Each structure stands twice: as C-alpha cells, then as structure tokens.
Amino acid sequence: MCAAPPCGAPERPQIPIKTAGNGAAGGKPRQILPCAPPRACGITVAKNLFTVYNVAMEVALKEGEVLEELFDGKKIIQNSGLYRFTSDSVLLSRFVRGKKGDVVADLCSGSGIVGLHFLCLNPHVSSVALYEMQPALSDMSARTIEFNGFSKARAVCMRVQDIGRELDGRFSLILCNPPYERGGFENASYEKAICRKEITVTLGEILDVSARLLKFGGRIGIINRADRAAELVYGLKSRGLEPKRLQFVCGTAGGKPYLVMAEACKGGREGVDVLPACLNDGCTFGG
C-alpha cells in the first residue's frame, strides 16, 4: 500500500490586508501573521469586502471567503458558505500526469482545485479550462487564477452538458471529480448538495461529454465511489474510453477502499494496470 505524498506546506508569508474603501483613513495595512497547521490555514473570514495584496497581484475577497494553501505558496479562494474542496480532489490531481502540450478540461471544477493543483504540478501543459455551472464557484476560480497569475488557466461558467460541439475533439486530457452520491438534498443547501449528489448531472452524462470532447488518444482521469467501480469501468469502455490505470483509495492502512480513481484513453487498447491501494492520510497540501 502506498501513502499519498506528504504535504510539507511552506511557512505562510505575511500578507498585508487593507479594508476596501478605507485606504486613507485606515492608516498602515494590517499584517496577517504566519498561520498554524496547513489544514487550519486561511485568512480570517471576511466580514466585509477587503483586498489582499500578493506582490503585484491582488484579489477582492467577498463575505465568507478565505485564502487557503494551494501549492508552494500559491493560494486558492474558498468560501465557508459554499462547497469546499476535500482531499479526493488533490488525490486526483496527483494521480494523472500531464504531458507536454496537453490541452486540459476540468469538468465540474467547483472552486478550481483539481485543475489548478494539476497545473501547479504540470506547468508544461498548454492550457487548463475549468468548467463549473455555479456562478459563485466559477467566479472564485477566476479570481484565484488572477491572484496567482495562472496565464494558462481560464474559468468557464456553464453546465457540462452545454459545452459546445465546436469543442469536440479539442482536448487531450479531461479531469473530473464529479458529484458521486445519489439521493436528495437532506440537510444540505442546494449549492452544496449539487456538488455532492447527482442532481444536475449524472456520471453517464459526464462520460458522454468527455467522449466527444477528447481527441483520439486523449485521456480522462476521474474519481468516484469504490462501490461504483464496475459502473465506472463499464461506462468508460462502452464509450470507447479504455481504462488503462485503476487505483483504489483507503482511509486507513489495511482498510476497505472507499474511492476509486481511473485513467482511460480514447481508442486505447485493452489492458489495465491496477495499482496498489493509495492511503489517504487527509493531507491536502503540498506536492
């Protein structure tokens, strides 16, 4: 069994913060001291709109938003009132390796964690497009891109099912951490529920769109519940997406897998490499 790479997040730098509209009256910008453990990291939740300065870049944080570690000093905007990324997103971004010149699409991208962490790990790819239907999450992705100066990334706010036919065969790699639970809203808000549950998009719809967006020889990296492994593999194969790598994820050493990650190739030959189970130690930061 292999453990996920350690986080080793760098020490948080001091970041000056200035309340929007109070530059003259507010005096010197306040300083945020280095934060405690990585998983607790994040600038204090904004009660009002304020601006965080990072060298030459700046980003306006809205109510409920924080900056959290993304990779090697890069930051990602999160919102306590919306769906926040979990460690499975980072596992997927590490699972698939980018090739030089890859044109990448991150479907159901949320706040952009999979695509942007993947870009940090694979700066040699050509571009990364983040497709997310919720305007608030897509807007956060766009501002994260601007804040970090990710010139190869862009955020697109639209449903996966509505991605135009003019993009068929355009991408060489698709990444997707989809909603993989079934059921209703329960106690979750609509905005959070549609990120977790197949309410607005199904696995079948995601695979249909992926099959047409990928060029011949293009790849898809996707994660889902372990108990849906057979459905996932069948769904890929039935659309001409041949599974080439599979890896199950366990929460504890020797424990029962609860997630499965798959990489498939459009038009690929049969034959799959089943990797040792990956131990998810809950560390979401670092390389």
C-alpha atoms as a PDB file:
ATOM      1  CA  MET A   1       0.000   0.000   0.000  1.00  0.00           C
ATOM      2  CA  CYS A   2       1.392   3.394  -0.886  1.00  0.00           C
ATOM      3  CA  ALA A   3       0.820   6.526   1.132  1.00  0.00           C
ATOM      4  CA  ALA A   4      -0.045   9.811  -0.555  1.00  0.00           C
ATOM      5  CA  PRO A   5       2.935  12.199  -0.733  1.00  0.00           C
ATOM      6  CA  PRO A   6       3.474  14.273   2.439  1.00  0.00           C
ATOM      7  CA  CYS A   7       2.284  17.806   2.411  1.00  0.00           C
ATOM      8  CA  GLY A   8       5.233  19.768   3.670  1.00  0.00           C
ATOM      9  CA  ALA A   9       3.436  23.040   3.070  1.00  0.00           C
ATOM     10  CA  PRO A  10       5.741  26.073   3.175  1.00  0.00           C
ATOM     11  CA  GLU A  11       5.555  28.554   6.030  1.00  0.00           C
ATOM     12  CA  ARG A  12       2.836  31.091   5.379  1.00  0.00           C
ATOM     13  CA  PRO A  13       4.189  34.530   4.392  1.00  0.00           C
ATOM     14  CA  GLN A  14       2.976  37.738   5.965  1.00  0.00           C
ATOM     15  CA  ILE A  15       0.302  39.294   3.762  1.00  0.00           C
ATOM     16  CA  PRO A  16      -0.796  42.920   4.160  1.00  0.00           C
ATOM     17  CA  ILE A  17      -4.541  43.479   4.125  1.00  0.00           C
ATOM     18  CA  LYS A  18      -6.318  46.766   3.530  1.00  0.00           C
ATOM     19  CA  THR A  19     -10.037  47.288   4.045  1.00  0.00           C
ATOM     20  CA  ALA A  20     -11.660  48.302   0.762  1.00  0.00           C
ATOM     21  CA  GLY A  21     -12.518  51.970   0.614  1.00  0.00           C
ATOM     22  CA  ASN A  22     -10.644  52.823   3.823  1.00  0.00           C
ATOM     23  CA  GLY A  23      -7.134  53.257   2.408  1.00  0.00           C
ATOM     24  CA  ALA A  24      -6.765  56.850   3.541  1.00  0.00           C
ATOM     25  CA  ALA A  25      -8.457  56.548   6.906  1.00  0.00           C
ATOM     26  CA  GLY A  26      -7.200  53.099   7.778  1.00  0.00           C
ATOM     27  CA  GLY A  27      -3.520  54.036   8.143  1.00  0.00           C
ATOM     28  CA  LYS A  28      -0.928  51.327   7.552  1.00  0.00           C
ATOM     29  CA  PRO A  29      -2.198  47.983   6.199  1.00  0.00           C
ATOM     30  CA  ARG A  30      -2.642  45.322   8.868  1.00  0.00           C
ATOM     31  CA  GLN A  31      -0.334  42.287   8.839  1.00  0.00           C
ATOM     32  CA  ILE A  32      -1.508  38.697   8.983  1.00  0.00           C
ATOM     33  CA  LEU A  33       0.900  36.594  10.998  1.00  0.00           C
ATOM     34  CA  PRO A  34       2.032  33.163   9.778  1.00  0.00           C
ATOM     35  CA  CYS A  35      -0.808  30.700  10.232  1.00  0.00           C
ATOM     36  CA  ALA A  36      -0.808  27.465  12.225  1.00  0.00           C
ATOM     37  CA  PRO A  37      -1.047  23.943  10.730  1.00  0.00           C
ATOM     38  CA  PRO A  38      -1.827  23.825   6.968  1.00  0.00           C
ATOM     39  CA  ARG A  39      -5.318  22.391   7.365  1.00  0.00           C
ATOM     40  CA  ALA A  40      -6.207  25.270   9.688  1.00  0.00           C
ATOM     41  CA  CYS A  41      -4.687  27.812   7.289  1.00  0.00           C
ATOM     42  CA  GLY A  42      -6.716  30.597   5.769  1.00  0.00           C
ATOM     43  CA  ILE A  43      -7.006  34.285   6.288  1.00  0.00           C
ATOM     44  CA  THR A  44      -9.721  35.297   8.748  1.00  0.00           C
ATOM     45  CA  VAL A  45     -13.172  35.124   7.149  1.00  0.00           C
ATOM     46  CA  ALA A  46     -14.085  38.430   5.604  1.00  0.00           C
ATOM     47  CA  LYS A  47     -16.945  40.277   7.245  1.00  0.00           C
ATOM     48  CA  ASN A  48     -16.736  42.976   4.598  1.00  0.00           C
ATOM     49  CA  LEU A  49     -15.137  43.170   1.196  1.00  0.00           C
ATOM     50  CA  PHE A  50     -11.365  43.563   1.521  1.00  0.00           C
ATOM     51  CA  THR A  51      -8.328  43.325  -0.701  1.00  0.00           C
ATOM     52  CA  VAL A  52      -5.372  41.005  -0.197  1.00  0.00           C
ATOM     53  CA  TYR A  53      -2.101  42.024  -1.831  1.00  0.00           C
ATOM     54  CA  ASN A  54       0.367  39.413  -3.116  1.00  0.00           C
ATOM     55  CA  VAL A  55       3.417  41.038  -4.726  1.00  0.00           C
ATOM     56  CA  ALA A  56       1.910  42.692  -7.838  1.00  0.00           C
ATOM     57  CA  MET A  57      -1.342  40.682  -7.736  1.00  0.00           C
ATOM     58  CA  GLU A  58      -4.456  41.483  -5.737  1.00  0.00           C
ATOM     59  CA  VAL A  59      -7.823  39.841  -5.158  1.00  0.00           C
ATOM     60  CA  ALA A  60     -11.024  41.077  -3.550  1.00  0.00           C
ATOM     61  CA  LEU A  61     -12.392  38.578  -1.033  1.00  0.00           C
ATOM     62  CA  LYS A  62     -16.137  38.541  -0.505  1.00  0.00           C
ATOM     63  CA  GLU A  63     -18.095  37.709   2.627  1.00  0.00           C
ATOM     64  CA  GLY A  64     -17.299  34.218   3.896  1.00  0.00           C
ATOM     65  CA  GLU A  65     -14.192  33.825   1.710  1.00  0.00           C
ATOM     66  CA  VAL A  66     -10.698  32.834   2.787  1.00  0.00           C
ATOM     67  CA  LEU A  67      -7.382  32.251   1.057  1.00  0.00           C
ATOM     68  CA  GLU A  68      -6.029  28.743   1.604  1.00  0.00           C
ATOM     69  CA  GLU A  69      -2.868  26.966   0.528  1.00  0.00           C
ATOM     70  CA  LEU A  70      -2.891  25.537  -2.988  1.00  0.00           C
ATOM     71  CA  PHE A  71       0.714  24.651  -3.794  1.00  0.00           C
ATOM     72  CA  ASP A  72       4.157  26.043  -2.991  1.00  0.00           C
ATOM     73  CA  GLY A  73       2.954  29.461  -1.855  1.00  0.00           C
ATOM     74  CA  LYS A  74       0.072  29.658  -4.326  1.00  0.00           C
ATOM     75  CA  LYS A  75      -3.378  30.342  -2.846  1.00  0.00           C
ATOM     76  CA  ILE A  76      -6.930  29.289  -3.621  1.00  0.00           C
ATOM     77  CA  ILE A  77     -10.108  31.129  -2.660  1.00  0.00           C
ATOM     78  CA  GLN A  78     -12.626  29.131  -0.622  1.00  0.00           C
ATOM     79  CA  ASN A  79     -15.977  30.109   0.873  1.00  0.00           C
ATOM     80  CA  SER A  80     -17.350  28.729   4.139  1.00  0.00           C
ATOM     81  CA  GLY A  81     -20.896  29.047   2.813  1.00  0.00           C
ATOM     82  CA  LEU A  82     -20.260  27.063  -0.371  1.00  0.00           C
ATOM     83  CA  TYR A  83     -18.823  23.642  -1.164  1.00  0.00           C
ATOM     84  CA  ARG A  84     -15.182  23.402  -0.072  1.00  0.00           C
ATOM     85  CA  PHE A  85     -12.738  21.002  -1.676  1.00  0.00           C
ATOM     86  CA  THR A  86     -11.651  17.816   0.075  1.00  0.00           C
ATOM     87  CA  SER A  87      -8.591  15.585  -0.189  1.00  0.00           C
ATOM     88  CA  ASP A  88     -10.057  13.465  -3.000  1.00  0.00           C
ATOM     89  CA  SER A  89      -9.612  16.423  -5.358  1.00  0.00           C
ATOM     90  CA  VAL A  90      -5.903  16.621  -4.593  1.00  0.00           C
ATOM     91  CA  LEU A  91      -5.516  12.841  -4.925  1.00  0.00           C
ATOM     92  CA  LEU A  92      -6.967  13.020  -8.439  1.00  0.00           C
ATOM     93  CA  SER A  93      -4.708  15.919  -9.442  1.00  0.00           C
ATOM     94  CA  ARG A  94      -1.705  13.818  -8.378  1.00  0.00           C
ATOM     95  CA  PHE A  95      -2.984  10.589  -9.952  1.00  0.00           C
ATOM     96  CA  VAL A  96      -2.891  11.802 -13.568  1.00  0.00           C
ATOM     97  CA  ARG A  97       0.347  13.075 -15.086  1.00  0.00           C
ATOM     98  CA  GLY A  98       0.216  15.763 -17.711  1.00  0.00           C
ATOM     99  CA  LYS A  99       2.079  15.554 -20.996  1.00  0.00           C
ATOM    100  CA  LYS A 100       3.841  18.463 -22.636  1.00  0.00           C
ATOM    101  CA  GLY A 101       1.325  20.482 -24.624  1.00  0.00           C
ATOM    102  CA  ASP A 102      -1.776  18.843 -23.096  1.00  0.00           C
ATOM    103  CA  VAL A 103      -4.981  20.816 -23.589  1.00  0.00           C
ATOM    104  CA  VAL A 104      -6.874  20.112 -20.364  1.00  0.00           C
ATOM    105  CA  ALA A 105     -10.502  20.459 -19.271  1.00  0.00           C
ATOM    106  CA  ASP A 106     -11.563  20.156 -15.635  1.00  0.00           C
ATOM    107  CA  LEU A 107     -15.266  19.235 -15.583  1.00  0.00           C
ATOM    108  CA  CYS A 108     -17.420  20.006 -12.515  1.00  0.00           C
ATOM    109  CA  SER A 109     -14.461  22.064 -11.350  1.00  0.00           C
ATOM    110  CA  GLY A 110     -16.028  23.740  -8.310  1.00  0.00           C
ATOM    111  CA  SER A 111     -13.591  26.332  -6.979  1.00  0.00           C
ATOM    112  CA  GLY A 112     -10.902  25.014  -9.338  1.00  0.00           C
ATOM    113  CA  ILE A 113      -8.864  22.825  -7.006  1.00  0.00           C
ATOM    114  CA  VAL A 114      -8.319  19.829  -9.327  1.00  0.00           C
ATOM    115  CA  GLY A 115      -7.373  21.781 -12.448  1.00  0.00           C
ATOM    116  CA  LEU A 116      -5.267  24.414 -10.697  1.00  0.00           C
ATOM    117  CA  HIS A 117      -3.393  21.996  -8.427  1.00  0.00           C
ATOM    118  CA  PHE A 118      -2.792  19.837 -11.506  1.00  0.00           C
ATOM    119  CA  LEU A 119      -1.423  22.883 -13.352  1.00  0.00           C
ATOM    120  CA  CYS A 120       0.973  23.585 -10.471  1.00  0.00           C
ATOM    121  CA  LEU A 121       2.240  20.004 -10.689  1.00  0.00           C
ATOM    122  CA  ASN A 122       2.342  20.009 -14.505  1.00  0.00           C
ATOM    123  CA  PRO A 123       3.338  23.508 -15.683  1.00  0.00           C
ATOM    124  CA  HIS A 124       4.356  22.050 -19.067  1.00  0.00           C
ATOM    125  CA  VAL A 125       0.734  21.564 -20.199  1.00  0.00           C
ATOM    126  CA  SER A 126      -0.641  24.011 -22.770  1.00  0.00           C
ATOM    127  CA  SER A 127      -3.838  25.139 -21.026  1.00  0.00           C
ATOM    128  CA  VAL A 128      -6.452  24.246 -18.408  1.00  0.00           C
ATOM    129  CA  ALA A 129     -10.144  25.181 -18.765  1.00  0.00           C
ATOM    130  CA  LEU A 130     -12.288  24.987 -15.618  1.00  0.00           C
ATOM    131  CA  TYR A 131     -15.963  24.207 -16.346  1.00  0.00           C
ATOM    132  CA  GLU A 132     -18.347  24.885 -13.453  1.00  0.00           C
ATOM    133  CA  MET A 133     -22.078  25.643 -13.543  1.00  0.00           C
ATOM    134  CA  GLN A 134     -22.367  27.593 -10.270  1.00  0.00           C
ATOM    135  CA  PRO A 135     -21.552  31.286 -10.871  1.00  0.00           C
ATOM    136  CA  ALA A 136     -20.212  31.851  -7.346  1.00  0.00           C
ATOM    137  CA  LEU A 137     -17.749  28.944  -7.563  1.00  0.00           C
ATOM    138  CA  SER A 138     -16.699  29.816 -11.114  1.00  0.00           C
ATOM    139  CA  ASP A 139     -16.119  33.422 -10.048  1.00  0.00           C
ATOM    140  CA  MET A 140     -13.903  32.217  -7.202  1.00  0.00           C
ATOM    141  CA  SER A 141     -11.894  30.169  -9.703  1.00  0.00           C
ATOM    142  CA  ALA A 142     -11.465  33.186 -11.966  1.00  0.00           C
ATOM    143  CA  ARG A 143     -10.210  35.335  -9.098  1.00  0.00           C
ATOM    144  CA  THR A 144      -7.856  32.587  -7.911  1.00  0.00           C
ATOM    145  CA  ILE A 145      -6.435  32.430 -11.438  1.00  0.00           C
ATOM    146  CA  GLU A 146      -5.933  36.206 -11.496  1.00  0.00           C
ATOM    147  CA  PHE A 147      -4.448  36.324  -7.994  1.00  0.00           C
ATOM    148  CA  ASN A 148      -1.815  33.683  -8.758  1.00  0.00           C
ATOM    149  CA  GLY A 149      -1.119  34.837 -12.311  1.00  0.00           C
ATOM    150  CA  PHE A 150      -2.076  31.491 -13.868  1.00  0.00           C
ATOM    151  CA  SER A 151      -1.814  32.576 -17.513  1.00  0.00           C
ATOM    152  CA  LYS A 152      -2.584  29.068 -18.808  1.00  0.00           C
ATOM    153  CA  ALA A 153      -5.884  28.695 -16.924  1.00  0.00           C
ATOM    154  CA  ARG A 154      -9.363  30.081 -17.510  1.00  0.00           C
ATOM    155  CA  ALA A 155     -12.722  29.672 -15.772  1.00  0.00           C
ATOM    156  CA  VAL A 156     -15.867  28.940 -17.809  1.00  0.00           C
ATOM    157  CA  CYS A 157     -19.281  29.120 -16.124  1.00  0.00           C
ATOM    158  CA  MET A 158     -21.616  26.618 -17.786  1.00  0.00           C
ATOM    159  CA  ARG A 159     -23.165  23.198 -17.381  1.00  0.00           C
ATOM    160  CA  VAL A 160     -21.035  20.302 -18.572  1.00  0.00           C
ATOM    161  CA  GLN A 161     -23.912  19.198 -20.810  1.00  0.00           C
ATOM    162  CA  ASP A 162     -23.896  22.594 -22.552  1.00  0.00           C
ATOM    163  CA  ILE A 163     -20.268  22.591 -23.686  1.00  0.00           C
ATOM    164  CA  GLY A 164     -20.473  23.331 -27.410  1.00  0.00           C
ATOM    165  CA  ARG A 165     -19.936  20.848 -30.212  1.00  0.00           C
ATOM    166  CA  GLU A 166     -17.292  23.140 -31.664  1.00  0.00           C
ATOM    167  CA  LEU A 167     -15.016  21.826 -28.892  1.00  0.00           C
ATOM    168  CA  ASP A 168     -15.465  18.170 -29.843  1.00  0.00           C
ATOM    169  CA  GLY A 169     -12.066  16.511 -30.159  1.00  0.00           C
ATOM    170  CA  ARG A 170     -10.319  19.630 -28.830  1.00  0.00           C
ATOM    171  CA  PHE A 171      -8.943  18.279 -25.542  1.00  0.00           C
ATOM    172  CA  SER A 172      -6.127  15.818 -24.910  1.00  0.00           C
ATOM    173  CA  LEU A 173      -6.927  15.390 -21.202  1.00  0.00           C
ATOM    174  CA  ILE A 174     -10.056  15.666 -19.088  1.00  0.00           C
ATOM    175  CA  LEU A 175     -10.086  15.691 -15.294  1.00  0.00           C
ATOM    176  CA  CYS A 176     -13.253  15.219 -13.290  1.00  0.00           C
ATOM    177  CA  ASN A 177     -14.129  14.919  -9.613  1.00  0.00           C
ATOM    178  CA  PRO A 178     -17.899  14.655 -10.128  1.00  0.00           C
ATOM    179  CA  PRO A 179     -20.829  14.518  -7.732  1.00  0.00           C
ATOM    180  CA  TYR A 180     -20.856  10.799  -6.963  1.00  0.00           C
ATOM    181  CA  GLU A 181     -23.583  10.327  -4.388  1.00  0.00           C
ATOM    182  CA  ARG A 182     -27.199   9.565  -5.165  1.00  0.00           C
ATOM    183  CA  GLY A 183     -30.153  10.920  -3.232  1.00  0.00           C
ATOM    184  CA  GLY A 184     -31.907  14.142  -2.351  1.00  0.00           C
ATOM    185  CA  PHE A 185     -30.958  17.299  -0.524  1.00  0.00           C
ATOM    186  CA  GLU A 186     -31.267  16.028   3.057  1.00  0.00           C
ATOM    187  CA  ASN A 187     -29.982  18.872   5.261  1.00  0.00           C
ATOM    188  CA  ALA A 188     -27.538  20.329   2.746  1.00  0.00           C
ATOM    189  CA  SER A 189     -28.123  23.572   0.895  1.00  0.00           C
ATOM    190  CA  TYR A 190     -28.834  23.339  -2.822  1.00  0.00           C
ATOM    191  CA  GLU A 191     -25.430  24.817  -3.666  1.00  0.00           C
ATOM    192  CA  LYS A 192     -23.611  22.190  -1.597  1.00  0.00           C
ATOM    193  CA  ALA A 193     -25.922  19.323  -2.487  1.00  0.00           C
ATOM    194  CA  ILE A 194     -25.367  19.577  -6.254  1.00  0.00           C
ATOM    195  CA  CYS A 195     -21.606  19.315  -5.679  1.00  0.00           C
ATOM    196  CA  ARG A 196     -22.014  16.033  -3.813  1.00  0.00           C
ATOM    197  CA  LYS A 197     -25.064  14.427  -5.399  1.00  0.00           C
ATOM    198  CA  GLU A 198     -26.151  13.609  -8.950  1.00  0.00           C
ATOM    199  CA  ILE A 199     -28.892  16.239  -9.051  1.00  0.00           C
ATOM    200  CA  THR A 200     -27.864  18.401 -12.019  1.00  0.00           C
ATOM    201  CA  VAL A 201     -25.537  15.966 -13.817  1.00  0.00           C
ATOM    202  CA  THR A 202     -25.014  12.188 -13.824  1.00  0.00           C
ATOM    203  CA  LEU A 203     -21.941  10.042 -14.313  1.00  0.00           C
ATOM    204  CA  GLY A 204     -23.322   8.900 -17.670  1.00  0.00           C
ATOM    205  CA  GLU A 205     -23.743  12.484 -18.888  1.00  0.00           C
ATOM    206  CA  ILE A 206     -20.198  13.363 -17.820  1.00  0.00           C
ATOM    207  CA  LEU A 207     -18.786  10.364 -19.690  1.00  0.00           C
ATOM    208  CA  ASP A 208     -20.879  11.177 -22.788  1.00  0.00           C
ATOM    209  CA  VAL A 209     -19.490  14.720 -22.896  1.00  0.00           C
ATOM    210  CA  SER A 210     -15.943  13.541 -22.159  1.00  0.00           C
ATOM    211  CA  ALA A 211     -16.031  11.031 -25.003  1.00  0.00           C
ATOM    212  CA  ARG A 212     -16.870  13.732 -27.544  1.00  0.00           C
ATOM    213  CA  LEU A 213     -14.532  16.416 -26.147  1.00  0.00           C
ATOM    214  CA  LEU A 214     -11.470  14.148 -26.199  1.00  0.00           C
ATOM    215  CA  LYS A 215      -9.391  13.733 -29.322  1.00  0.00           C
ATOM    216  CA  PHE A 216      -8.376  10.218 -30.384  1.00  0.00           C
ATOM    217  CA  GLY A 217      -5.710   9.076 -27.957  1.00  0.00           C
ATOM    218  CA  GLY A 218      -6.837  11.643 -25.377  1.00  0.00           C
ATOM    219  CA  ARG A 219      -7.185  10.662 -21.745  1.00  0.00           C
ATOM    220  CA  ILE A 220      -9.645  11.108 -18.897  1.00  0.00           C
ATOM    221  CA  GLY A 221      -8.833  10.982 -15.181  1.00  0.00           C
ATOM    222  CA  ILE A 222     -11.867  10.563 -12.946  1.00  0.00           C
ATOM    223  CA  ILE A 223     -12.623   9.626  -9.346  1.00  0.00           C
ATOM    224  CA  ASN A 224     -15.745   8.062  -7.850  1.00  0.00           C
ATOM    225  CA  ARG A 225     -17.009   5.886  -5.025  1.00  0.00           C
ATOM    226  CA  ALA A 226     -15.371   2.473  -4.807  1.00  0.00           C
ATOM    227  CA  ASP A 227     -18.750   0.752  -4.805  1.00  0.00           C
ATOM    228  CA  ARG A 228     -19.405   2.289  -8.239  1.00  0.00           C
ATOM    229  CA  ALA A 229     -16.172   0.911  -9.748  1.00  0.00           C
ATOM    230  CA  ALA A 230     -17.969  -1.564 -12.027  1.00  0.00           C
ATOM    231  CA  GLU A 231     -20.354   1.145 -13.257  1.00  0.00           C
ATOM    232  CA  LEU A 232     -17.431   3.490 -13.889  1.00  0.00           C
ATOM    233  CA  VAL A 233     -15.354   0.950 -15.809  1.00  0.00           C
ATOM    234  CA  TYR A 234     -18.347  -0.169 -17.885  1.00  0.00           C
ATOM    235  CA  GLY A 235     -19.321   3.443 -18.582  1.00  0.00           C
ATOM    236  CA  LEU A 236     -15.830   4.245 -19.815  1.00  0.00           C
ATOM    237  CA  LYS A 237     -15.453   1.134 -22.002  1.00  0.00           C
ATOM    238  CA  SER A 238     -18.909   1.473 -23.541  1.00  0.00           C
ATOM    239  CA  ARG A 239     -17.962   4.941 -24.794  1.00  0.00           C
ATOM    240  CA  GLY A 240     -14.643   3.926 -26.304  1.00  0.00           C
ATOM    241  CA  LEU A 241     -12.661   5.155 -23.316  1.00  0.00           C
ATOM    242  CA  GLU A 242     -10.414   2.227 -22.435  1.00  0.00           C
ATOM    243  CA  PRO A 243      -9.358   2.050 -18.753  1.00  0.00           C
ATOM    244  CA  LYS A 244      -5.562   1.981 -18.516  1.00  0.00           C
ATOM    245  CA  ARG A 245      -4.901   2.660 -14.812  1.00  0.00           C
ATOM    246  CA  LEU A 246      -7.022   1.989 -11.708  1.00  0.00           C
ATOM    247  CA  GLN A 247      -6.212   2.817  -8.106  1.00  0.00           C
ATOM    248  CA  PHE A 248      -8.399   2.345  -5.055  1.00  0.00           C
ATOM    249  CA  VAL A 249      -8.166   4.709  -2.086  1.00  0.00           C
ATOM    250  CA  CYS A 250      -8.326   3.650   1.582  1.00  0.00           C
ATOM    251  CA  GLY A 251      -8.828   5.860   4.609  1.00  0.00           C
ATOM    252  CA  THR A 252      -6.710   3.681   6.901  1.00  0.00           C
ATOM    253  CA  ALA A 253      -3.897   1.193   6.367  1.00  0.00           C
ATOM    254  CA  GLY A 254      -5.455  -2.151   5.502  1.00  0.00           C
ATOM    255  CA  GLY A 255      -8.924  -0.587   5.439  1.00  0.00           C
ATOM    256  CA  LYS A 256     -11.671  -1.120   2.902  1.00  0.00           C
ATOM    257  CA  PRO A 257     -11.329   1.151  -0.162  1.00  0.00           C
ATOM    258  CA  TYR A 258     -13.921   3.915  -0.340  1.00  0.00           C
ATOM    259  CA  LEU A 259     -12.833   5.649  -3.578  1.00  0.00           C
ATOM    260  CA  VAL A 260     -11.505   4.562  -6.955  1.00  0.00           C
ATOM    261  CA  MET A 261      -9.511   6.609  -9.460  1.00  0.00           C
ATOM    262  CA  ALA A 262      -9.403   5.671 -13.131  1.00  0.00           C
ATOM    263  CA  GLU A 263      -7.428   6.877 -16.128  1.00  0.00           C
ATOM    264  CA  ALA A 264      -8.766   5.880 -19.538  1.00  0.00           C
ATOM    265  CA  CYS A 265      -7.656   6.501 -23.117  1.00  0.00           C
ATOM    266  CA  LYS A 266      -9.964   7.216 -26.049  1.00  0.00           C
ATOM    267  CA  GLY A 267      -9.387   4.468 -28.608  1.00  0.00           C
ATOM    268  CA  GLY A 268      -6.801   2.750 -26.412  1.00  0.00           C
ATOM    269  CA  ARG A 269      -6.020  -0.955 -26.482  1.00  0.00           C
ATOM    270  CA  GLU A 270      -7.376  -3.270 -23.795  1.00  0.00           C
ATOM    271  CA  GLY A 271      -5.225  -3.787 -20.737  1.00  0.00           C
ATOM    272  CA  VAL A 272      -5.389  -2.058 -17.369  1.00  0.00           C
ATOM    273  CA  ASP A 273      -2.731  -1.522 -14.718  1.00  0.00           C
ATOM    274  CA  VAL A 274      -4.260  -1.940 -11.253  1.00  0.00           C
ATOM    275  CA  LEU A 275      -2.036  -0.004  -8.845  1.00  0.00           C
ATOM    276  CA  PRO A 276      -1.515  -0.661  -5.130  1.00  0.00           C
ATOM    277  CA  ALA A 277      -4.176   0.967  -2.985  1.00  0.00           C
ATOM    278  CA  CYS A 278      -3.440   4.555  -2.006  1.00  0.00           C
ATOM    279  CA  LEU A 279      -3.681   5.613   1.629  1.00  0.00           C
ATOM    280  CA  ASN A 280      -5.406   8.965   2.013  1.00  0.00           C
ATOM    281  CA  ASP A 281      -3.907  10.439   5.168  1.00  0.00           C
ATOM    282  CA  GLY A 282      -6.072  13.542   4.915  1.00  0.00           C
ATOM    283  CA  CYS A 283      -3.178  15.809   3.950  1.00  0.00           C
ATOM    284  CA  THR A 284      -4.440  18.116   1.208  1.00  0.00           C
ATOM    285  CA  PHE A 285      -1.496  20.437   0.725  1.00  0.00           C
ATOM    286  CA  GLY A 286       1.896  20.262  -0.897  1.00  0.00           C
ATOM    287  CA  GLY A 287       3.057  18.365  -3.966  1.00  0.00           C
END
